[in-house]
Amino acid sequence: MKTLTLRGIDDELASRLERIAQQGRESMNGAILNLLRDKLGLSKPRFREEYHDLDDLAGTWTQEEAREFDAVVSEFSRIDGELWR
């Protein structure tokens, strides 16, 4: 790994970099490396792959089917008070 030294960092740039590091809860070095990787297209994907397997089903239920589904799964939201004593 190489070590680089940057010169000519003005106060506004330094302030912005510090804010980015704080928001990301990372060091200045880490924040700068992430910014460089992003800009150069070297960053790893941060999100899971998006799937569209069920897209054809979205919005296809009738109101009656939706009511039936809600009735069947309503038991899942019931809290058994005896279990929480």
PDB file of N, CA and C in Angstrom:
ATOM      1  N   MET A   1       0.835  -1.185   0.000  1.00  0.00           N
ATOM      2  CA  MET A   1       0.000   0.000   0.000  1.00  0.00           C
ATOM      3  C   MET A   1       0.869   1.234   0.000  1.00  0.00           C
ATOM      4  N   LYS A   2       0.381   2.214  -0.678  1.00  0.00           N
ATOM      5  CA  LYS A   2       1.098   3.478  -0.776  1.00  0.00           C
ATOM      6  C   LYS A   2       0.557   4.477   0.243  1.00  0.00           C
ATOM      7  N   THR A   3       1.373   5.426   0.561  1.00  0.00           N
ATOM      8  CA  THR A   3       0.982   6.541   1.402  1.00  0.00           C
ATOM      9  C   THR A   3       1.118   7.795   0.573  1.00  0.00           C
ATOM     10  N   LEU A   4       0.063   8.599   0.560  1.00  0.00           N
ATOM     11  CA  LEU A   4       0.077   9.851  -0.192  1.00  0.00           C
ATOM     12  C   LEU A   4      -0.046  11.024   0.763  1.00  0.00           C
ATOM     13  N   THR A   5       0.560  12.117   0.395  1.00  0.00           N
ATOM     14  CA  THR A   5       0.420  13.356   1.148  1.00  0.00           C
ATOM     15  C   THR A   5      -0.273  14.360   0.249  1.00  0.00           C
ATOM     16  N   LEU A   6      -1.318  14.980   0.751  1.00  0.00           N
ATOM     17  CA  LEU A   6      -2.044  15.994  -0.024  1.00  0.00           C
ATOM     18  C   LEU A   6      -1.707  17.368   0.522  1.00  0.00           C
ATOM     19  N   ARG A   7      -1.435  18.277  -0.396  1.00  0.00           N
ATOM     20  CA  ARG A   7      -1.147  19.661  -0.005  1.00  0.00           C
ATOM     21  C   ARG A   7      -2.207  20.565  -0.602  1.00  0.00           C
ATOM     22  N   GLY A   8      -2.341  21.716  -0.037  1.00  0.00           N
ATOM     23  CA  GLY A   8      -3.251  22.715  -0.608  1.00  0.00           C
ATOM     24  C   GLY A   8      -4.711  22.505  -0.243  1.00  0.00           C
ATOM     25  N   ILE A   9      -4.966  21.835   0.863  1.00  0.00           N
ATOM     26  CA  ILE A   9      -6.342  21.620   1.304  1.00  0.00           C
ATOM     27  C   ILE A   9      -6.797  22.864   2.046  1.00  0.00           C
ATOM     28  N   ASP A  10      -7.730  23.582   1.442  1.00  0.00           N
ATOM     29  CA  ASP A  10      -8.198  24.820   2.068  1.00  0.00           C
ATOM     30  C   ASP A  10      -9.176  24.502   3.199  1.00  0.00           C
ATOM     31  N   ASP A  11      -9.516  25.534   3.961  1.00  0.00           N
ATOM     32  CA  ASP A  11     -10.367  25.358   5.139  1.00  0.00           C
ATOM     33  C   ASP A  11     -11.742  24.806   4.787  1.00  0.00           C
ATOM     34  N   GLU A  12     -12.324  25.272   3.681  1.00  0.00           N
ATOM     35  CA  GLU A  12     -13.659  24.807   3.288  1.00  0.00           C
ATOM     36  C   GLU A  12     -13.642  23.313   2.956  1.00  0.00           C
ATOM     37  N   LEU A  13     -12.638  22.876   2.203  1.00  0.00           N
ATOM     38  CA  LEU A  13     -12.514  21.465   1.856  1.00  0.00           C
ATOM     39  C   LEU A  13     -12.278  20.622   3.102  1.00  0.00           C
ATOM     40  N   ALA A  14     -11.400  21.069   3.978  1.00  0.00           N
ATOM     41  CA  ALA A  14     -11.111  20.343   5.220  1.00  0.00           C
ATOM     42  C   ALA A  14     -12.367  20.224   6.076  1.00  0.00           C
ATOM     43  N   SER A  15     -13.123  21.301   6.161  1.00  0.00           N
ATOM     44  CA  SER A  15     -14.349  21.304   6.949  1.00  0.00           C
ATOM     45  C   SER A  15     -15.360  20.314   6.378  1.00  0.00           C
ATOM     46  N   ARG A  16     -15.506  20.320   5.072  1.00  0.00           N
ATOM     47  CA  ARG A  16     -16.453  19.415   4.413  1.00  0.00           C
ATOM     48  C   ARG A  16     -16.031  17.954   4.616  1.00  0.00           C
ATOM     49  N   LEU A  17     -14.734  17.679   4.512  1.00  0.00           N
ATOM     50  CA  LEU A  17     -14.234  16.322   4.723  1.00  0.00           C
ATOM     51  C   LEU A  17     -14.456  15.869   6.164  1.00  0.00           C
ATOM     52  N   GLU A  18     -14.238  16.772   7.102  1.00  0.00           N
ATOM     53  CA  GLU A  18     -14.468  16.441   8.509  1.00  0.00           C
ATOM     54  C   GLU A  18     -15.939  16.107   8.751  1.00  0.00           C
ATOM     55  N   ARG A  19     -16.831  16.880   8.141  1.00  0.00           N
ATOM     56  CA  ARG A  19     -18.270  16.647   8.301  1.00  0.00           C
ATOM     57  C   ARG A  19     -18.669  15.287   7.715  1.00  0.00           C
ATOM     58  N   ILE A  20     -18.129  14.958   6.553  1.00  0.00           N
ATOM     59  CA  ILE A  20     -18.425  13.670   5.922  1.00  0.00           C
ATOM     60  C   ILE A  20     -17.931  12.523   6.805  1.00  0.00           C
ATOM     61  N   ALA A  21     -16.742  12.683   7.362  1.00  0.00           N
ATOM     62  CA  ALA A  21     -16.188  11.651   8.244  1.00  0.00           C
ATOM     63  C   ALA A  21     -17.057  11.480   9.488  1.00  0.00           C
ATOM     64  N   GLN A  22     -17.508  12.584  10.075  1.00  0.00           N
ATOM     65  CA  GLN A  22     -18.348  12.511  11.266  1.00  0.00           C
ATOM     66  C   GLN A  22     -19.683  11.851  10.953  1.00  0.00           C
ATOM     67  N   GLN A  23     -20.284  12.234   9.828  1.00  0.00           N
ATOM     68  CA  GLN A  23     -21.578  11.658   9.452  1.00  0.00           C
ATOM     69  C   GLN A  23     -21.470  10.159   9.208  1.00  0.00           C
ATOM     70  N   GLY A  24     -20.354   9.729   8.640  1.00  0.00           N
ATOM     71  CA  GLY A  24     -20.145   8.313   8.385  1.00  0.00           C
ATOM     72  C   GLY A  24     -19.539   7.576   9.554  1.00  0.00           C
ATOM     73  N   ARG A  25     -19.277   8.322  10.647  1.00  0.00           N
ATOM     74  CA  ARG A  25     -18.656   7.752  11.841  1.00  0.00           C
ATOM     75  C   ARG A  25     -17.385   6.987  11.482  1.00  0.00           C
ATOM     76  N   GLU A  26     -16.541   7.668  10.736  1.00  0.00           N
ATOM     77  CA  GLU A  26     -15.284   7.073  10.317  1.00  0.00           C
ATOM     78  C   GLU A  26     -14.169   8.102  10.428  1.00  0.00           C
ATOM     79  N   SER A  27     -12.957   7.654  10.271  1.00  0.00           N
ATOM     80  CA  SER A  27     -11.813   8.561  10.341  1.00  0.00           C
ATOM     81  C   SER A  27     -11.768   9.417   9.077  1.00  0.00           C
ATOM     82  N   MET A  28     -11.013  10.489   9.141  1.00  0.00           N
ATOM     83  CA  MET A  28     -10.820  11.320   7.949  1.00  0.00           C
ATOM     84  C   MET A  28     -10.190  10.489   6.840  1.00  0.00           C
ATOM     85  N   ASN A  29      -9.201   9.690   7.199  1.00  0.00           N
ATOM     86  CA  ASN A  29      -8.529   8.858   6.211  1.00  0.00           C
ATOM     87  C   ASN A  29      -9.527   7.909   5.535  1.00  0.00           C
ATOM     88  N   GLY A  30     -10.356   7.263   6.345  1.00  0.00           N
ATOM     89  CA  GLY A  30     -11.361   6.351   5.802  1.00  0.00           C
ATOM     90  C   GLY A  30     -12.354   7.054   4.902  1.00  0.00           C
ATOM     91  N   ALA A  31     -12.794   8.245   5.321  1.00  0.00           N
ATOM     92  CA  ALA A  31     -13.755   9.007   4.526  1.00  0.00           C
ATOM     93  C   ALA A  31     -13.160   9.402   3.181  1.00  0.00           C
ATOM     94  N   ILE A  32     -11.919   9.862   3.198  1.00  0.00           N
ATOM     95  CA  ILE A  32     -11.258  10.273   1.956  1.00  0.00           C
ATOM     96  C   ILE A  32     -11.059   9.067   1.035  1.00  0.00           C
ATOM     97  N   LEU A  33     -10.639   7.932   1.601  1.00  0.00           N
ATOM     98  CA  LEU A  33     -10.478   6.729   0.782  1.00  0.00           C
ATOM     99  C   LEU A  33     -11.799   6.301   0.152  1.00  0.00           C
ATOM    100  N   ASN A  34     -12.884   6.361   0.930  1.00  0.00           N
ATOM    101  CA  ASN A  34     -14.195   5.998   0.386  1.00  0.00           C
ATOM    102  C   ASN A  34     -14.635   6.950  -0.716  1.00  0.00           C
ATOM    103  N   LEU A  35     -14.392   8.237  -0.530  1.00  0.00           N
ATOM    104  CA  LEU A  35     -14.729   9.217  -1.570  1.00  0.00           C
ATOM    105  C   LEU A  35     -13.947   8.949  -2.852  1.00  0.00           C
ATOM    106  N   LEU A  36     -12.673   8.669  -2.711  1.00  0.00           N
ATOM    107  CA  LEU A  36     -11.844   8.374  -3.886  1.00  0.00           C
ATOM    108  C   LEU A  36     -12.317   7.100  -4.577  1.00  0.00           C
ATOM    109  N   ARG A  37     -12.588   6.067  -3.799  1.00  0.00           N
ATOM    110  CA  ARG A  37     -13.065   4.810  -4.393  1.00  0.00           C
ATOM    111  C   ARG A  37     -14.381   5.023  -5.130  1.00  0.00           C
ATOM    112  N   ASP A  38     -15.311   5.771  -4.507  1.00  0.00           N
ATOM    113  CA  ASP A  38     -16.598   6.056  -5.160  1.00  0.00           C
ATOM    114  C   ASP A  38     -16.397   6.795  -6.474  1.00  0.00           C
ATOM    115  N   LYS A  39     -15.589   7.830  -6.438  1.00  0.00           N
ATOM    116  CA  LYS A  39     -15.368   8.663  -7.622  1.00  0.00           C
ATOM    117  C   LYS A  39     -14.702   7.879  -8.747  1.00  0.00           C
ATOM    118  N   LEU A  40     -13.827   6.936  -8.390  1.00  0.00           N
ATOM    119  CA  LEU A  40     -13.099   6.163  -9.388  1.00  0.00           C
ATOM    120  C   LEU A  40     -13.809   4.867  -9.776  1.00  0.00           C
ATOM    121  N   GLY A  41     -14.981   4.647  -9.200  1.00  0.00           N
ATOM    122  CA  GLY A  41     -15.743   3.454  -9.528  1.00  0.00           C
ATOM    123  C   GLY A  41     -15.164   2.184  -8.944  1.00  0.00           C
ATOM    124  N   LEU A  42     -14.452   2.311  -7.845  1.00  0.00           N
ATOM    125  CA  LEU A  42     -13.807   1.155  -7.219  1.00  0.00           C
ATOM    126  C   LEU A  42     -14.502   0.690  -5.948  1.00  0.00           C
ATOM    127  N   SER A  43     -15.578   1.367  -5.570  1.00  0.00           N
ATOM    128  CA  SER A  43     -16.230   1.012  -4.309  1.00  0.00           C
ATOM    129  C   SER A  43     -17.061  -0.248  -4.498  1.00  0.00           C
ATOM    130  N   LYS A  44     -17.186  -0.980  -3.411  1.00  0.00           N
ATOM    131  CA  LYS A  44     -17.990  -2.192  -3.410  1.00  0.00           C
ATOM    132  C   LYS A  44     -19.450  -1.800  -3.276  1.00  0.00           C
ATOM    133  N   PRO A  45     -20.336  -2.583  -3.857  1.00  0.00           N
ATOM    134  CA  PRO A  45     -21.769  -2.263  -3.727  1.00  0.00           C
ATOM    135  C   PRO A  45     -22.176  -2.230  -2.263  1.00  0.00           C
ATOM    136  N   ARG A  46     -22.968  -1.238  -1.894  1.00  0.00           N
ATOM    137  CA  ARG A  46     -23.393  -1.087  -0.500  1.00  0.00           C
ATOM    138  C   ARG A  46     -24.758  -1.702  -0.249  1.00  0.00           C
ATOM    139  N   PHE A  47     -25.460  -2.015  -1.316  1.00  0.00           N
ATOM    140  CA  PHE A  47     -26.817  -2.528  -1.177  1.00  0.00           C
ATOM    141  C   PHE A  47     -26.906  -3.934  -1.742  1.00  0.00           C
ATOM    142  N   ARG A  48     -27.839  -4.667  -1.203  1.00  0.00           N
ATOM    143  CA  ARG A  48     -28.073  -6.001  -1.727  1.00  0.00           C
ATOM    144  C   ARG A  48     -28.645  -5.904  -3.133  1.00  0.00           C
ATOM    145  N   GLU A  49     -28.464  -6.965  -3.868  1.00  0.00           N
ATOM    146  CA  GLU A  49     -29.006  -7.014  -5.214  1.00  0.00           C
ATOM    147  C   GLU A  49     -30.527  -6.922  -5.149  1.00  0.00           C
ATOM    148  N   GLU A  50     -31.110  -6.205  -6.068  1.00  0.00           N
ATOM    149  CA  GLU A  50     -32.550  -6.036  -6.096  1.00  0.00           C
ATOM    150  C   GLU A  50     -33.154  -7.090  -7.017  1.00  0.00           C
ATOM    151  N   TYR A  51     -34.150  -7.770  -6.519  1.00  0.00           N
ATOM    152  CA  TYR A  51     -34.815  -8.801  -7.297  1.00  0.00           C
ATOM    153  C   TYR A  51     -36.203  -8.328  -7.717  1.00  0.00           C
ATOM    154  N   HIS A  52     -36.661  -8.838  -8.822  1.00  0.00           N
ATOM    155  CA  HIS A  52     -37.981  -8.468  -9.345  1.00  0.00           C
ATOM    156  C   HIS A  52     -38.850  -9.699  -9.558  1.00  0.00           C
ATOM    157  N   ASP A  53     -38.605 -10.755  -8.785  1.00  0.00           N
ATOM    158  CA  ASP A  53     -39.308 -12.021  -8.958  1.00  0.00           C
ATOM    159  C   ASP A  53     -40.822 -11.905  -8.764  1.00  0.00           C
ATOM    160  N   LEU A  54     -41.236 -11.041  -7.862  1.00  0.00           N
ATOM    161  CA  LEU A  54     -42.656 -10.964  -7.514  1.00  0.00           C
ATOM    162  C   LEU A  54     -43.348  -9.732  -8.098  1.00  0.00           C
ATOM    163  N   ASP A  55     -42.684  -9.030  -8.978  1.00  0.00           N
ATOM    164  CA  ASP A  55     -43.253  -7.804  -9.539  1.00  0.00           C
ATOM    165  C   ASP A  55     -44.604  -8.034 -10.208  1.00  0.00           C
ATOM    166  N   ASP A  56     -44.758  -9.186 -10.868  1.00  0.00           N
ATOM    167  CA  ASP A  56     -46.015  -9.464 -11.567  1.00  0.00           C
ATOM    168  C   ASP A  56     -47.188  -9.628 -10.615  1.00  0.00           C
ATOM    169  N   LEU A  57     -46.903  -9.926  -9.349  1.00  0.00           N
ATOM    170  CA  LEU A  57     -47.967 -10.124  -8.370  1.00  0.00           C
ATOM    171  C   LEU A  57     -48.353  -8.834  -7.651  1.00  0.00           C
ATOM    172  N   ALA A  58     -47.478  -7.868  -7.651  1.00  0.00           N
ATOM    173  CA  ALA A  58     -47.718  -6.627  -6.898  1.00  0.00           C
ATOM    174  C   ALA A  58     -48.980  -5.935  -7.403  1.00  0.00           C
ATOM    175  N   GLY A  59     -49.882  -5.661  -6.476  1.00  0.00           N
ATOM    176  CA  GLY A  59     -51.097  -4.929  -6.809  1.00  0.00           C
ATOM    177  C   GLY A  59     -52.148  -5.755  -7.528  1.00  0.00           C
ATOM    178  N   THR A  60     -52.022  -7.086  -7.496  1.00  0.00           N
ATOM    179  CA  THR A  60     -52.969  -7.919  -8.244  1.00  0.00           C
ATOM    180  C   THR A  60     -54.081  -8.498  -7.378  1.00  0.00           C
ATOM    181  N   TRP A  61     -53.977  -8.359  -6.056  1.00  0.00           N
ATOM    182  CA  TRP A  61     -55.019  -8.896  -5.193  1.00  0.00           C
ATOM    183  C   TRP A  61     -56.271  -8.032  -5.265  1.00  0.00           C
ATOM    184  N   THR A  62     -57.406  -8.694  -5.165  1.00  0.00           N
ATOM    185  CA  THR A  62     -58.656  -7.952  -5.034  1.00  0.00           C
ATOM    186  C   THR A  62     -58.769  -7.499  -3.578  1.00  0.00           C
ATOM    187  N   GLN A  63     -59.716  -6.630  -3.315  1.00  0.00           N
ATOM    188  CA  GLN A  63     -59.910  -6.184  -1.929  1.00  0.00           C
ATOM    189  C   GLN A  63     -60.317  -7.351  -1.037  1.00  0.00           C
ATOM    190  N   GLU A  64     -61.097  -8.255  -1.581  1.00  0.00           N
ATOM    191  CA  GLU A  64     -61.517  -9.428  -0.812  1.00  0.00           C
ATOM    192  C   GLU A  64     -60.320 -10.307  -0.469  1.00  0.00           C
ATOM    193  N   GLU A  65     -59.417 -10.537  -1.420  1.00  0.00           N
ATOM    194  CA  GLU A  65     -58.223 -11.338  -1.166  1.00  0.00           C
ATOM    195  C   GLU A  65     -57.327 -10.664  -0.117  1.00  0.00           C
ATOM    196  N   ALA A  66     -57.220  -9.352  -0.189  1.00  0.00           N
ATOM    197  CA  ALA A  66     -56.412  -8.616   0.784  1.00  0.00           C
ATOM    198  C   ALA A  66     -57.015  -8.738   2.171  1.00  0.00           C
ATOM    199  N   ARG A  67     -58.354  -8.661   2.285  1.00  0.00           N
ATOM    200  CA  ARG A  67     -59.025  -8.817   3.586  1.00  0.00           C
ATOM    201  C   ARG A  67     -58.803 -10.223   4.136  1.00  0.00           C
ATOM    202  N   GLU A  68     -58.887 -11.243   3.267  1.00  0.00           N
ATOM    203  CA  GLU A  68     -58.661 -12.614   3.708  1.00  0.00           C
ATOM    204  C   GLU A  68     -57.237 -12.781   4.236  1.00  0.00           C
ATOM    205  N   PHE A  69     -56.276 -12.223   3.519  1.00  0.00           N
ATOM    206  CA  PHE A  69     -54.875 -12.312   3.943  1.00  0.00           C
ATOM    207  C   PHE A  69     -54.685 -11.630   5.293  1.00  0.00           C
ATOM    208  N   ASP A  70     -55.214 -10.413   5.427  1.00  0.00           N
ATOM    209  CA  ASP A  70     -55.096  -9.686   6.688  1.00  0.00           C
ATOM    210  C   ASP A  70     -55.713 -10.466   7.848  1.00  0.00           C
ATOM    211  N   ALA A  71     -56.839 -11.140   7.590  1.00  0.00           N
ATOM    212  CA  ALA A  71     -57.490 -11.918   8.644  1.00  0.00           C
ATOM    213  C   ALA A  71     -56.612 -13.100   9.057  1.00  0.00           C
ATOM    214  N   VAL A  72     -55.995 -13.746   8.103  1.00  0.00           N
ATOM    215  CA  VAL A  72     -55.163 -14.917   8.397  1.00  0.00           C
ATOM    216  C   VAL A  72     -53.910 -14.524   9.183  1.00  0.00           C
ATOM    217  N   VAL A  73     -53.277 -13.408   8.832  1.00  0.00           N
ATOM    218  CA  VAL A  73     -52.024 -13.026   9.495  1.00  0.00           C
ATOM    219  C   VAL A  73     -52.241 -12.151  10.718  1.00  0.00           C
ATOM    220  N   SER A  74     -53.467 -11.786  11.021  1.00  0.00           N
ATOM    221  CA  SER A  74     -53.721 -10.918  12.178  1.00  0.00           C
ATOM    222  C   SER A  74     -53.261 -11.570  13.482  1.00  0.00           C
ATOM    223  N   GLU A  75     -53.279 -12.884  13.523  1.00  0.00           N
ATOM    224  CA  GLU A  75     -52.846 -13.613  14.715  1.00  0.00           C
ATOM    225  C   GLU A  75     -51.376 -13.345  15.034  1.00  0.00           C
ATOM    226  N   PHE A  76     -50.596 -13.041  14.024  1.00  0.00           N
ATOM    227  CA  PHE A  76     -49.166 -12.786  14.231  1.00  0.00           C
ATOM    228  C   PHE A  76     -48.915 -11.530  15.053  1.00  0.00           C
ATOM    229  N   SER A  77     -49.832 -10.591  15.056  1.00  0.00           N
ATOM    230  CA  SER A  77     -49.614  -9.343  15.792  1.00  0.00           C
ATOM    231  C   SER A  77     -50.233  -9.390  17.195  1.00  0.00           C
ATOM    232  N   ARG A  78     -50.856 -10.502  17.533  1.00  0.00           N
ATOM    233  CA  ARG A  78     -51.444 -10.653  18.869  1.00  0.00           C
ATOM    234  C   ARG A  78     -50.323 -10.900  19.875  1.00  0.00           C
ATOM    235  N   ILE A  79     -50.385 -10.212  20.992  1.00  0.00           N
ATOM    236  CA  ILE A  79     -49.380 -10.369  22.049  1.00  0.00           C
ATOM    237  C   ILE A  79     -49.990 -11.159  23.192  1.00  0.00           C
ATOM    238  N   ASP A  80     -49.328 -12.224  23.577  1.00  0.00           N
ATOM    239  CA  ASP A  80     -49.770 -13.059  24.691  1.00  0.00           C
ATOM    240  C   ASP A  80     -49.191 -12.464  25.976  1.00  0.00           C
ATOM    241  N   GLY A  81     -50.033 -11.819  26.747  1.00  0.00           N
ATOM    242  CA  GLY A  81     -49.600 -11.159  27.973  1.00  0.00           C
ATOM    243  C   GLY A  81     -48.937 -12.089  28.970  1.00  0.00           C
ATOM    244  N   GLU A  82     -49.341 -13.347  29.007  1.00  0.00           N
ATOM    245  CA  GLU A  82     -48.756 -14.307  29.931  1.00  0.00           C
ATOM    246  C   GLU A  82     -47.285 -14.552  29.646  1.00  0.00           C
ATOM    247  N   LEU A  83     -46.892 -14.466  28.392  1.00  0.00           N
ATOM    248  CA  LEU A  83     -45.496 -14.688  28.025  1.00  0.00           C
ATOM    249  C   LEU A  83     -44.574 -13.543  28.430  1.00  0.00           C
ATOM    250  N   TRP A  84     -45.149 -12.389  28.722  1.00  0.00           N
ATOM    251  CA  TRP A  84     -44.331 -11.198  28.996  1.00  0.00           C
ATOM    252  C   TRP A  84     -44.341 -10.802  30.465  1.00  0.00           C
ATOM    253  N   ARG A  85     -44.648 -11.727  31.335  1.00  0.00           N
ATOM    254  CA  ARG A  85     -44.627 -11.422  32.777  1.00  0.00           C
ATOM    255  C   ARG A  85     -43.279 -11.666  33.352  1.00  0.00           C
TER     256      ARG A  85
END
